[in-house]
Amino acid sequence: MNGAVIVAAGMSTRMGEFKPLMKIGNMTIIERIISTFKAAEIDHIVIVTGNQGKTLEDYLKNQGMTFLRNTDYASTQMIDSAKIGFEYLKNQCDKIIFTPVDIPLYTAQTVKKLLMSKADVAFPVYNGKKGHPLFLNQAILPSILDYHGDNGLKGALALIENKEFIEVDDQGILYDADTKQDYENLLRVHNHQLYRPDVKVSLRMEDIFMDEQTAQLLYLIDIMGSIRDACLKMNISYSKGIKMINILEQQTQYQLVVRKVGGVQGGYTYLTDEGHNFLNQYRKYEKALNEKAQELFDIYFKNILLNKGKSEDGKKSKNV
């Protein structure tokens, strides 16, 4: 399974605005990164929040994300927020993509290329310059978590021997939004990268009973053994989580989640075999639809959108 950690806990001091919710075109910076990761078929996206954490979590609460909070964001470094995400994913995902929230313009193709690496750490490189996001193999997470030097994540990664530097045709790996000028530059580059199909997969009878959010809820219940804890990670209410499960089970006519309450050992929750199978089939179906959507998008729209002003026969189109 592939995972991703997005660190969005910083103070945005130099920018003067809350960077994750600043817009590039019609999308916020954080939405752009999430969209890219989903297009790259990342299974589990974790967002580490801090400054204005509740604002960000509320904004994204319906997108099926997992939220972790760095409560000491004002006095800690980026590596401390990264460690929160790595600690959470270390036993869940074999391959992890890491990015700070202020570098949003790399492509899904770059992320996919990084995920193919056999190294412990992989860096994307454009014209000889390293950028983001980074690829991390699960095996080296303990060494990063144990690092307490003065050079942050850069210092921790410097100790890793098995590195790979992957050439990509993607200037977006270099563009950050640290200052107002940086942000203005972001608005002027790589707009064509925004063009991609955005398929949201849901199943319904009269009403929707399965979607990205429900799938994430089932996944978190499975690894945490608690509906309440799963809901907290997703920033949704416990009552909403229960309602989602009830609707799902009513419409499928399967018991997908077993809840045991009380007792000396306390309550616990787990997915039934039918629950595991249903979640796995949904993920496979979602992946297949996204692959087909990309194929059809390339057939019908890629040339039009990447060669604006030209018709299919190569002649200039007239403005009407």
C-alpha atoms as a PDB file:
ATOM      1  CA  MET A   1       0.000   0.000   0.000  1.00  0.00           C
ATOM      2  CA  ASN A   2       1.177   3.536  -0.809  1.00  0.00           C
ATOM      3  CA  GLY A   3       0.795   6.447   1.571  1.00  0.00           C
ATOM      4  CA  ALA A   4       1.495  10.176   1.637  1.00  0.00           C
ATOM      5  CA  VAL A   5       2.294  12.698   4.348  1.00  0.00           C
ATOM      6  CA  ILE A   6       1.468  16.352   3.727  1.00  0.00           C
ATOM      7  CA  VAL A   7       2.874  18.701   6.369  1.00  0.00           C
ATOM      8  CA  ALA A   8       0.614  21.745   6.750  1.00  0.00           C
ATOM      9  CA  ALA A   9       1.363  22.793  10.322  1.00  0.00           C
ATOM     10  CA  GLY A  10       3.504  25.902   9.783  1.00  0.00           C
ATOM     11  CA  MET A  11       2.849  29.506  10.700  1.00  0.00           C
ATOM     12  CA  SER A  12       3.042  30.938   7.127  1.00  0.00           C
ATOM     13  CA  THR A  13       4.924  33.870   8.640  1.00  0.00           C
ATOM     14  CA  ARG A  14       6.731  35.051   5.500  1.00  0.00           C
ATOM     15  CA  MET A  15       3.647  34.680   3.332  1.00  0.00           C
ATOM     16  CA  GLY A  16       1.359  36.550   5.705  1.00  0.00           C
ATOM     17  CA  GLU A  17      -1.615  34.368   4.695  1.00  0.00           C
ATOM     18  CA  PHE A  18      -2.622  30.791   5.473  1.00  0.00           C
ATOM     19  CA  LYS A  19      -0.849  28.990   2.627  1.00  0.00           C
ATOM     20  CA  PRO A  20      -2.856  25.742   2.405  1.00  0.00           C
ATOM     21  CA  LEU A  21      -6.065  27.607   1.547  1.00  0.00           C
ATOM     22  CA  MET A  22      -4.583  30.123  -0.881  1.00  0.00           C
ATOM     23  CA  LYS A  23      -5.842  29.502  -4.397  1.00  0.00           C
ATOM     24  CA  ILE A  24      -4.024  28.613  -7.583  1.00  0.00           C
ATOM     25  CA  GLY A  25      -6.702  29.097 -10.197  1.00  0.00           C
ATOM     26  CA  ASN A  26      -9.908  27.559  -8.872  1.00  0.00           C
ATOM     27  CA  MET A  27      -8.182  25.170  -6.462  1.00  0.00           C
ATOM     28  CA  THR A  28      -6.560  25.780  -3.104  1.00  0.00           C
ATOM     29  CA  ILE A  29      -2.945  24.737  -2.671  1.00  0.00           C
ATOM     30  CA  ILE A  30      -3.891  21.813  -0.436  1.00  0.00           C
ATOM     31  CA  GLU A  31      -6.583  20.645  -2.856  1.00  0.00           C
ATOM     32  CA  ARG A  32      -4.077  20.727  -5.704  1.00  0.00           C
ATOM     33  CA  ILE A  33      -1.729  18.411  -3.812  1.00  0.00           C
ATOM     34  CA  ILE A  34      -4.543  16.056  -2.801  1.00  0.00           C
ATOM     35  CA  SER A  35      -5.783  15.920  -6.398  1.00  0.00           C
ATOM     36  CA  THR A  36      -2.273  15.075  -7.617  1.00  0.00           C
ATOM     37  CA  PHE A  37      -1.865  12.292  -5.052  1.00  0.00           C
ATOM     38  CA  LYS A  38      -5.230  10.801  -5.910  1.00  0.00           C
ATOM     39  CA  ALA A  39      -4.354  10.885  -9.611  1.00  0.00           C
ATOM     40  CA  ALA A  40      -1.147   9.029  -8.707  1.00  0.00           C
ATOM     41  CA  GLU A  41      -3.235   6.361  -6.942  1.00  0.00           C
ATOM     42  CA  ILE A  42      -1.983   7.057  -3.424  1.00  0.00           C
ATOM     43  CA  ASP A  43      -4.026   4.852  -1.108  1.00  0.00           C
ATOM     44  CA  HIS A  44      -3.794   6.728   2.179  1.00  0.00           C
ATOM     45  CA  ILE A  45      -3.238  10.494   2.509  1.00  0.00           C
ATOM     46  CA  VAL A  46      -2.319  11.910   5.928  1.00  0.00           C
ATOM     47  CA  ILE A  47      -2.324  15.645   6.608  1.00  0.00           C
ATOM     48  CA  VAL A  48      -0.406  16.926   9.638  1.00  0.00           C
ATOM     49  CA  THR A  49      -2.008  20.164  10.791  1.00  0.00           C
ATOM     50  CA  GLY A  50      -1.061  22.708  13.434  1.00  0.00           C
ATOM     51  CA  ASN A  51      -1.513  26.436  12.818  1.00  0.00           C
ATOM     52  CA  GLN A  52      -5.230  26.952  12.008  1.00  0.00           C
ATOM     53  CA  GLY A  53      -5.574  23.191  12.215  1.00  0.00           C
ATOM     54  CA  LYS A  54      -9.321  23.137  12.816  1.00  0.00           C
ATOM     55  CA  THR A  55      -9.931  25.507   9.904  1.00  0.00           C
ATOM     56  CA  LEU A  56      -8.044  23.225   7.530  1.00  0.00           C
ATOM     57  CA  GLU A  57      -9.590  20.039   8.907  1.00  0.00           C
ATOM     58  CA  ASP A  58     -13.106  21.473   8.597  1.00  0.00           C
ATOM     59  CA  TYR A  59     -12.391  22.580   5.035  1.00  0.00           C
ATOM     60  CA  LEU A  60     -11.285  19.079   3.994  1.00  0.00           C
ATOM     61  CA  LYS A  61     -13.437  16.920   6.245  1.00  0.00           C
ATOM     62  CA  ASN A  62     -15.537  15.451   3.423  1.00  0.00           C
ATOM     63  CA  GLN A  63     -12.578  14.356   1.284  1.00  0.00           C
ATOM     64  CA  GLY A  64     -11.652  11.181   3.152  1.00  0.00           C
ATOM     65  CA  MET A  65      -8.360  12.439   4.607  1.00  0.00           C
ATOM     66  CA  THR A  66      -6.697  11.374   7.849  1.00  0.00           C
ATOM     67  CA  PHE A  67      -5.757  14.314  10.081  1.00  0.00           C
ATOM     68  CA  LEU A  68      -3.011  14.362  12.699  1.00  0.00           C
ATOM     69  CA  ARG A  69      -2.324  17.441  14.812  1.00  0.00           C
ATOM     70  CA  ASN A  70       1.039  18.880  15.841  1.00  0.00           C
ATOM     71  CA  THR A  71      -0.029  20.784  18.931  1.00  0.00           C
ATOM     72  CA  ASP A  72       3.509  22.190  19.360  1.00  0.00           C
ATOM     73  CA  TYR A  73       3.664  23.629  15.835  1.00  0.00           C
ATOM     74  CA  ALA A  74       4.753  27.078  17.050  1.00  0.00           C
ATOM     75  CA  SER A  75       7.946  25.772  18.656  1.00  0.00           C
ATOM     76  CA  THR A  76       8.899  22.780  16.486  1.00  0.00           C
ATOM     77  CA  GLN A  77      10.433  22.190  13.057  1.00  0.00           C
ATOM     78  CA  MET A  78       9.018  20.603   9.934  1.00  0.00           C
ATOM     79  CA  ILE A  79      10.725  17.312  10.787  1.00  0.00           C
ATOM     80  CA  ASP A  80       8.671  17.096  13.963  1.00  0.00           C
ATOM     81  CA  SER A  81       5.451  17.329  11.985  1.00  0.00           C
ATOM     82  CA  ALA A  82       6.821  14.859   9.435  1.00  0.00           C
ATOM     83  CA  LYS A  83       7.637  12.398  12.226  1.00  0.00           C
ATOM     84  CA  ILE A  84       4.010  12.495  13.385  1.00  0.00           C
ATOM     85  CA  GLY A  85       2.919  11.362   9.939  1.00  0.00           C
ATOM     86  CA  PHE A  86       5.715   8.784   9.580  1.00  0.00           C
ATOM     87  CA  GLU A  87       4.971   7.279  12.982  1.00  0.00           C
ATOM     88  CA  TYR A  88       1.346   6.851  11.998  1.00  0.00           C
ATOM     89  CA  LEU A  89       2.079   5.226   8.615  1.00  0.00           C
ATOM     90  CA  LYS A  90       5.168   3.176   9.488  1.00  0.00           C
ATOM     91  CA  ASN A  91       3.293  -0.120   9.851  1.00  0.00           C
ATOM     92  CA  GLN A  92       0.630   0.603   7.245  1.00  0.00           C
ATOM     93  CA  CYS A  93       2.346   1.597   4.007  1.00  0.00           C
ATOM     94  CA  ASP A  94       5.321   0.122   2.162  1.00  0.00           C
ATOM     95  CA  LYS A  95       6.018   3.296   0.172  1.00  0.00           C
ATOM     96  CA  ILE A  96       5.485   6.857   1.330  1.00  0.00           C
ATOM     97  CA  ILE A  97       5.507  10.189  -0.490  1.00  0.00           C
ATOM     98  CA  PHE A  98       6.363  13.226   1.628  1.00  0.00           C
ATOM     99  CA  THR A  99       5.736  16.872   0.814  1.00  0.00           C
ATOM    100  CA  PRO A 100       5.414  20.205   2.597  1.00  0.00           C
ATOM    101  CA  VAL A 101       2.173  21.950   1.703  1.00  0.00           C
ATOM    102  CA  ASP A 102       3.845  24.898  -0.030  1.00  0.00           C
ATOM    103  CA  ILE A 103       5.167  22.931  -3.041  1.00  0.00           C
ATOM    104  CA  PRO A 104       2.023  22.062  -5.019  1.00  0.00           C
ATOM    105  CA  LEU A 105       2.882  22.022  -8.737  1.00  0.00           C
ATOM    106  CA  TYR A 106       4.567  18.685  -9.432  1.00  0.00           C
ATOM    107  CA  THR A 107       2.588  16.241 -11.545  1.00  0.00           C
ATOM    108  CA  ALA A 108       0.998  12.883 -10.843  1.00  0.00           C
ATOM    109  CA  GLN A 109       3.431  11.391 -13.361  1.00  0.00           C
ATOM    110  CA  THR A 110       6.342  12.544 -11.173  1.00  0.00           C
ATOM    111  CA  VAL A 111       4.759  10.947  -8.110  1.00  0.00           C
ATOM    112  CA  LYS A 112       4.191   7.680  -9.996  1.00  0.00           C
ATOM    113  CA  LYS A 113       7.811   7.682 -11.150  1.00  0.00           C
ATOM    114  CA  LEU A 114       9.033   8.138  -7.572  1.00  0.00           C
ATOM    115  CA  LEU A 115       6.841   5.260  -6.361  1.00  0.00           C
ATOM    116  CA  MET A 116       8.667   2.926  -8.755  1.00  0.00           C
ATOM    117  CA  SER A 117      11.974   3.507  -6.945  1.00  0.00           C
ATOM    118  CA  LYS A 118      13.723   0.575  -5.256  1.00  0.00           C
ATOM    119  CA  ALA A 119      15.878   2.888  -3.130  1.00  0.00           C
ATOM    120  CA  ASP A 120      15.311   3.827   0.509  1.00  0.00           C
ATOM    121  CA  VAL A 121      15.019   7.506  -0.424  1.00  0.00           C
ATOM    122  CA  ALA A 122      14.386   9.033  -3.849  1.00  0.00           C
ATOM    123  CA  PHE A 123      14.533  12.686  -4.911  1.00  0.00           C
ATOM    124  CA  PRO A 124      13.059  14.112  -8.120  1.00  0.00           C
ATOM    125  CA  VAL A 125      15.572  16.148 -10.133  1.00  0.00           C
ATOM    126  CA  TYR A 126      14.941  18.756 -12.840  1.00  0.00           C
ATOM    127  CA  ASN A 127      17.912  20.239 -14.726  1.00  0.00           C
ATOM    128  CA  GLY A 128      20.269  19.120 -11.991  1.00  0.00           C
ATOM    129  CA  LYS A 129      18.197  20.558  -9.120  1.00  0.00           C
ATOM    130  CA  LYS A 130      16.506  18.440  -6.447  1.00  0.00           C
ATOM    131  CA  GLY A 131      12.934  19.166  -5.480  1.00  0.00           C
ATOM    132  CA  HIS A 132       9.796  17.746  -3.898  1.00  0.00           C
ATOM    133  CA  PRO A 133       7.992  15.480  -3.202  1.00  0.00           C
ATOM    134  CA  LEU A 134      10.265  12.855  -1.671  1.00  0.00           C
ATOM    135  CA  PHE A 135       9.945   9.090  -1.776  1.00  0.00           C
ATOM    136  CA  LEU A 136      10.627   7.071   1.386  1.00  0.00           C
ATOM    137  CA  ASN A 137      10.737   3.333   1.800  1.00  0.00           C
ATOM    138  CA  GLN A 138       9.037   2.093   4.950  1.00  0.00           C
ATOM    139  CA  ALA A 139      12.270   0.372   6.014  1.00  0.00           C
ATOM    140  CA  ILE A 140      14.083   3.641   6.749  1.00  0.00           C
ATOM    141  CA  LEU A 141      11.321   5.305   8.774  1.00  0.00           C
ATOM    142  CA  PRO A 142      12.717   4.084  12.135  1.00  0.00           C
ATOM    143  CA  SER A 143      16.059   5.790  11.461  1.00  0.00           C
ATOM    144  CA  ILE A 144      14.283   9.062  10.618  1.00  0.00           C
ATOM    145  CA  LEU A 145      12.101   8.787  13.712  1.00  0.00           C
ATOM    146  CA  ASP A 146      15.239   8.224  15.848  1.00  0.00           C
ATOM    147  CA  TYR A 147      17.094  11.226  14.392  1.00  0.00           C
ATOM    148  CA  HIS A 148      17.503  14.149  16.807  1.00  0.00           C
ATOM    149  CA  GLY A 149      20.178  16.233  15.091  1.00  0.00           C
ATOM    150  CA  ASP A 150      20.113  19.944  14.319  1.00  0.00           C
ATOM    151  CA  ASN A 151      19.601  19.731  10.554  1.00  0.00           C
ATOM    152  CA  GLY A 152      15.980  18.637  10.457  1.00  0.00           C
ATOM    153  CA  LEU A 153      14.712  16.240   7.814  1.00  0.00           C
ATOM    154  CA  LYS A 154      17.641  17.119   5.545  1.00  0.00           C
ATOM    155  CA  GLY A 155      20.040  15.914   8.219  1.00  0.00           C
ATOM    156  CA  ALA A 156      18.106  12.686   8.774  1.00  0.00           C
ATOM    157  CA  LEU A 157      18.058  11.892   5.058  1.00  0.00           C
ATOM    158  CA  ALA A 158      21.777  12.653   4.707  1.00  0.00           C
ATOM    159  CA  LEU A 159      22.475   9.572   6.827  1.00  0.00           C
ATOM    160  CA  ILE A 160      20.608   7.275   4.441  1.00  0.00           C
ATOM    161  CA  GLU A 161      23.011   5.541   2.052  1.00  0.00           C
ATOM    162  CA  ASN A 162      20.649   3.977  -0.485  1.00  0.00           C
ATOM    163  CA  LYS A 163      19.484   7.077  -2.373  1.00  0.00           C
ATOM    164  CA  GLU A 164      18.213   7.567  -5.907  1.00  0.00           C
ATOM    165  CA  PHE A 165      18.025  10.792  -7.900  1.00  0.00           C
ATOM    166  CA  ILE A 166      15.291  10.532 -10.527  1.00  0.00           C
ATOM    167  CA  GLU A 167      15.291  12.853 -13.524  1.00  0.00           C
ATOM    168  CA  VAL A 168      11.817  14.199 -14.291  1.00  0.00           C
ATOM    169  CA  ASP A 169      10.522  16.585 -16.951  1.00  0.00           C
ATOM    170  CA  ASP A 170       8.661  18.590 -14.341  1.00  0.00           C
ATOM    171  CA  GLN A 171       9.668  22.094 -13.246  1.00  0.00           C
ATOM    172  CA  GLY A 172       6.895  21.947 -10.668  1.00  0.00           C
ATOM    173  CA  ILE A 173       9.159  20.067  -8.253  1.00  0.00           C
ATOM    174  CA  LEU A 174      11.116  23.304  -7.737  1.00  0.00           C
ATOM    175  CA  TYR A 175       8.336  25.857  -7.184  1.00  0.00           C
ATOM    176  CA  ASP A 176       7.378  26.704  -3.624  1.00  0.00           C
ATOM    177  CA  ALA A 177       5.108  29.315  -2.113  1.00  0.00           C
ATOM    178  CA  ASP A 178       7.254  30.701   0.676  1.00  0.00           C
ATOM    179  CA  THR A 179       6.747  34.395  -0.089  1.00  0.00           C
ATOM    180  CA  LYS A 180       4.292  36.571  -1.994  1.00  0.00           C
ATOM    181  CA  GLN A 181       6.661  36.659  -4.975  1.00  0.00           C
ATOM    182  CA  ASP A 182       6.935  32.867  -4.933  1.00  0.00           C
ATOM    183  CA  TYR A 183       3.162  32.646  -4.944  1.00  0.00           C
ATOM    184  CA  GLU A 184       2.872  34.997  -7.916  1.00  0.00           C
ATOM    185  CA  ASN A 185       5.330  32.783  -9.778  1.00  0.00           C
ATOM    186  CA  LEU A 186       3.202  29.743  -9.024  1.00  0.00           C
ATOM    187  CA  LEU A 187       0.232  31.373 -10.691  1.00  0.00           C
ATOM    188  CA  ARG A 188       2.197  31.852 -13.913  1.00  0.00           C
ATOM    189  CA  VAL A 189       3.571  28.330 -14.402  1.00  0.00           C
ATOM    190  CA  HIS A 190       2.289  24.883 -15.215  1.00  0.00           C
ATOM    191  CA  ASN A 191      -1.386  25.816 -15.593  1.00  0.00           C
ATOM    192  CA  HIS A 192      -1.738  23.003 -18.119  1.00  0.00           C
ATOM    193  CA  GLN A 193      -1.041  20.520 -15.318  1.00  0.00           C
ATOM    194  CA  LEU A 194      -4.445  21.326 -13.863  1.00  0.00           C
ATOM    195  CA  TYR A 195      -6.092  19.487 -16.722  1.00  0.00           C
ATOM    196  CA  ARG A 196      -6.948  15.965 -15.679  1.00  0.00           C
ATOM    197  CA  PRO A 197     -10.111  13.949 -15.157  1.00  0.00           C
ATOM    198  CA  ASP A 198     -11.415  14.145 -11.605  1.00  0.00           C
ATOM    199  CA  VAL A 199     -13.545  11.076 -11.016  1.00  0.00           C
ATOM    200  CA  LYS A 200     -15.319  10.732  -7.681  1.00  0.00           C
ATOM    201  CA  VAL A 201     -16.640   7.195  -7.349  1.00  0.00           C
ATOM    202  CA  SER A 202     -19.842   6.575  -5.423  1.00  0.00           C
ATOM    203  CA  LEU A 203     -22.348   3.743  -5.269  1.00  0.00           C
ATOM    204  CA  ARG A 204     -26.026   4.365  -4.768  1.00  0.00           C
ATOM    205  CA  MET A 205     -29.533   3.019  -4.811  1.00  0.00           C
ATOM    206  CA  GLU A 206     -31.946   5.834  -4.008  1.00  0.00           C
ATOM    207  CA  ASP A 207     -29.153   7.511  -2.043  1.00  0.00           C
ATOM    208  CA  ILE A 208     -25.362   7.244  -2.011  1.00  0.00           C
ATOM    209  CA  PHE A 209     -24.165   4.513   0.349  1.00  0.00           C
ATOM    210  CA  MET A 210     -20.481   4.176  -0.604  1.00  0.00           C
ATOM    211  CA  ASP A 211     -17.951   6.850  -1.558  1.00  0.00           C
ATOM    212  CA  GLU A 212     -14.392   7.976  -0.778  1.00  0.00           C
ATOM    213  CA  GLN A 213     -15.334   9.134   2.699  1.00  0.00           C
ATOM    214  CA  THR A 214     -17.085   5.877   3.600  1.00  0.00           C
ATOM    215  CA  ALA A 215     -14.156   3.869   2.223  1.00  0.00           C
ATOM    216  CA  GLN A 216     -11.734   5.865   4.380  1.00  0.00           C
ATOM    217  CA  LEU A 217     -13.939   5.315   7.428  1.00  0.00           C
ATOM    218  CA  LEU A 218     -13.918   1.536   6.883  1.00  0.00           C
ATOM    219  CA  TYR A 219     -10.147   1.578   6.390  1.00  0.00           C
ATOM    220  CA  LEU A 220      -9.524   3.502   9.620  1.00  0.00           C
ATOM    221  CA  ILE A 221     -11.930   1.316  11.596  1.00  0.00           C
ATOM    222  CA  ASP A 222     -10.003  -1.698  10.378  1.00  0.00           C
ATOM    223  CA  ILE A 223      -6.606  -0.416  11.543  1.00  0.00           C
ATOM    224  CA  MET A 224      -7.758   1.388  14.708  1.00  0.00           C
ATOM    225  CA  GLY A 225     -10.448  -0.965  16.011  1.00  0.00           C
ATOM    226  CA  SER A 226     -12.703   1.947  16.939  1.00  0.00           C
ATOM    227  CA  ILE A 227     -15.423   3.873  15.128  1.00  0.00           C
ATOM    228  CA  ARG A 228     -14.981   6.823  17.460  1.00  0.00           C
ATOM    229  CA  ASP A 229     -11.222   7.062  16.892  1.00  0.00           C
ATOM    230  CA  ALA A 230     -11.697   6.679  13.134  1.00  0.00           C
ATOM    231  CA  CYS A 231     -14.203   9.538  13.119  1.00  0.00           C
ATOM    232  CA  LEU A 232     -11.809  11.732  15.103  1.00  0.00           C
ATOM    233  CA  LYS A 233      -9.047  11.145  12.555  1.00  0.00           C
ATOM    234  CA  MET A 234     -11.437  12.142   9.753  1.00  0.00           C
ATOM    235  CA  ASN A 235     -12.828  15.158  11.644  1.00  0.00           C
ATOM    236  CA  ILE A 236     -16.404  13.912  11.431  1.00  0.00           C
ATOM    237  CA  SER A 237     -18.840  13.331  14.288  1.00  0.00           C
ATOM    238  CA  TYR A 238     -19.329   9.900  15.807  1.00  0.00           C
ATOM    239  CA  SER A 239     -23.035  10.072  14.993  1.00  0.00           C
ATOM    240  CA  LYS A 240     -22.245  10.751  11.328  1.00  0.00           C
ATOM    241  CA  GLY A 241     -19.879   7.785  11.248  1.00  0.00           C
ATOM    242  CA  ILE A 242     -22.519   5.477  12.717  1.00  0.00           C
ATOM    243  CA  LYS A 243     -25.076   6.767  10.219  1.00  0.00           C
ATOM    244  CA  MET A 244     -22.697   6.104   7.302  1.00  0.00           C
ATOM    245  CA  ILE A 245     -22.156   2.514   8.442  1.00  0.00           C
ATOM    246  CA  ASN A 246     -25.871   1.939   9.012  1.00  0.00           C
ATOM    247  CA  ILE A 247     -26.760   3.207   5.534  1.00  0.00           C
ATOM    248  CA  LEU A 248     -24.002   1.083   3.987  1.00  0.00           C
ATOM    249  CA  GLU A 249     -25.166  -2.077   5.715  1.00  0.00           C
ATOM    250  CA  GLN A 250     -28.832  -1.428   4.969  1.00  0.00           C
ATOM    251  CA  GLN A 251     -28.180  -0.935   1.266  1.00  0.00           C
ATOM    252  CA  THR A 252     -25.751  -3.852   0.848  1.00  0.00           C
ATOM    253  CA  GLN A 253     -27.701  -6.155   3.210  1.00  0.00           C
ATOM    254  CA  TYR A 254     -24.385  -7.349   4.693  1.00  0.00           C
ATOM    255  CA  GLN A 255     -22.960  -6.925   8.166  1.00  0.00           C
ATOM    256  CA  LEU A 256     -19.723  -5.179   7.317  1.00  0.00           C
ATOM    257  CA  VAL A 257     -18.754  -3.864  10.757  1.00  0.00           C
ATOM    258  CA  VAL A 258     -18.965  -5.673  14.106  1.00  0.00           C
ATOM    259  CA  ARG A 259     -19.213  -3.567  17.246  1.00  0.00           C
ATOM    260  CA  LYS A 260     -18.559  -5.047  20.701  1.00  0.00           C
ATOM    261  CA  VAL A 261     -19.303  -2.730  23.599  1.00  0.00           C
ATOM    262  CA  GLY A 262     -18.445  -2.692  27.302  1.00  0.00           C
ATOM    263  CA  GLY A 263     -16.926  -5.481  29.343  1.00  0.00           C
ATOM    264  CA  VAL A 264     -13.711  -5.627  31.356  1.00  0.00           C
ATOM    265  CA  GLN A 265     -11.569  -5.452  28.225  1.00  0.00           C
ATOM    266  CA  GLY A 266     -13.536  -2.523  26.827  1.00  0.00           C
ATOM    267  CA  GLY A 267     -15.286  -2.324  23.483  1.00  0.00           C
ATOM    268  CA  TYR A 268     -13.785  -2.984  20.085  1.00  0.00           C
ATOM    269  CA  THR A 269     -14.801  -2.825  16.448  1.00  0.00           C
ATOM    270  CA  TYR A 270     -13.658  -4.741  13.373  1.00  0.00           C
ATOM    271  CA  LEU A 271     -14.553  -5.384   9.756  1.00  0.00           C
ATOM    272  CA  THR A 272     -16.137  -8.696   8.878  1.00  0.00           C
ATOM    273  CA  ASP A 273     -14.812 -10.778   5.975  1.00  0.00           C
ATOM    274  CA  GLU A 274     -17.598  -9.228   3.886  1.00  0.00           C
ATOM    275  CA  GLY A 275     -16.444  -5.797   5.039  1.00  0.00           C
ATOM    276  CA  HIS A 276     -12.858  -6.428   3.969  1.00  0.00           C
ATOM    277  CA  ASN A 277     -13.977  -7.818   0.638  1.00  0.00           C
ATOM    278  CA  PHE A 278     -16.372  -4.938  -0.039  1.00  0.00           C
ATOM    279  CA  LEU A 279     -13.703  -2.325   0.728  1.00  0.00           C
ATOM    280  CA  ASN A 280     -11.114  -4.108  -1.429  1.00  0.00           C
ATOM    281  CA  GLN A 281     -13.521  -4.397  -4.347  1.00  0.00           C
ATOM    282  CA  TYR A 282     -14.449  -0.719  -4.076  1.00  0.00           C
ATOM    283  CA  ARG A 283     -10.760   0.270  -4.186  1.00  0.00           C
ATOM    284  CA  LYS A 284     -10.144  -1.921  -7.249  1.00  0.00           C
ATOM    285  CA  TYR A 285     -13.252  -0.523  -8.957  1.00  0.00           C
ATOM    286  CA  GLU A 286     -12.169   3.043  -8.135  1.00  0.00           C
ATOM    287  CA  LYS A 287      -8.685   2.424  -9.537  1.00  0.00           C
ATOM    288  CA  ALA A 288     -10.040   0.846 -12.733  1.00  0.00           C
ATOM    289  CA  LEU A 289     -12.444   3.740 -13.336  1.00  0.00           C
ATOM    290  CA  ASN A 290      -9.708   6.334 -12.820  1.00  0.00           C
ATOM    291  CA  GLU A 291      -7.403   4.538 -15.240  1.00  0.00           C
ATOM    292  CA  LYS A 292     -10.165   4.403 -17.841  1.00  0.00           C
ATOM    293  CA  ALA A 293     -11.033   8.043 -17.230  1.00  0.00           C
ATOM    294  CA  GLN A 294      -7.406   9.061 -17.872  1.00  0.00           C
ATOM    295  CA  GLU A 295      -7.350   6.992 -21.059  1.00  0.00           C
ATOM    296  CA  LEU A 296     -10.535   8.621 -22.351  1.00  0.00           C
ATOM    297  CA  PHE A 297      -9.374  12.076 -21.258  1.00  0.00           C
ATOM    298  CA  ASP A 298      -6.196  11.680 -23.315  1.00  0.00           C
ATOM    299  CA  ILE A 299      -8.258  10.651 -26.353  1.00  0.00           C
ATOM    300  CA  TYR A 300     -10.825  13.444 -26.207  1.00  0.00           C
ATOM    301  CA  PHE A 301      -9.190  16.407 -24.451  1.00  0.00           C
ATOM    302  CA  LYS A 302      -5.406  16.180 -24.090  1.00  0.00           C
ATOM    303  CA  ASN A 303      -4.493  17.654 -27.490  1.00  0.00           C
ATOM    304  CA  ILE A 304      -7.176  20.321 -27.286  1.00  0.00           C
ATOM    305  CA  LEU A 305      -6.194  21.550 -23.821  1.00  0.00           C
ATOM    306  CA  LEU A 306      -2.430  21.306 -24.236  1.00  0.00           C
ATOM    307  CA  ASN A 307      -2.493  22.965 -27.665  1.00  0.00           C
ATOM    308  CA  LYS A 308      -4.919  25.791 -27.097  1.00  0.00           C
ATOM    309  CA  GLY A 309      -5.913  27.801 -30.115  1.00  0.00           C
ATOM    310  CA  LYS A 310      -5.393  24.959 -32.578  1.00  0.00           C
ATOM    311  CA  SER A 311      -7.974  22.662 -34.084  1.00  0.00           C
ATOM    312  CA  GLU A 312      -7.435  18.915 -34.546  1.00  0.00           C
ATOM    313  CA  ASP A 313      -6.020  19.408 -38.080  1.00  0.00           C
ATOM    314  CA  GLY A 314      -3.371  21.779 -36.729  1.00  0.00           C
ATOM    315  CA  LYS A 315      -4.945  24.975 -38.095  1.00  0.00           C
ATOM    316  CA  LYS A 316      -5.558  27.934 -35.893  1.00  0.00           C
ATOM    317  CA  SER A 317      -9.084  28.107 -34.520  1.00  0.00           C
ATOM    318  CA  LYS A 318     -11.066  31.234 -35.065  1.00  0.00           C
ATOM    319  CA  ASN A 319     -12.291  33.203 -32.110  1.00  0.00           C
ATOM    320  CA  VAL A 320     -16.062  33.349 -32.166  1.00  0.00           C
END
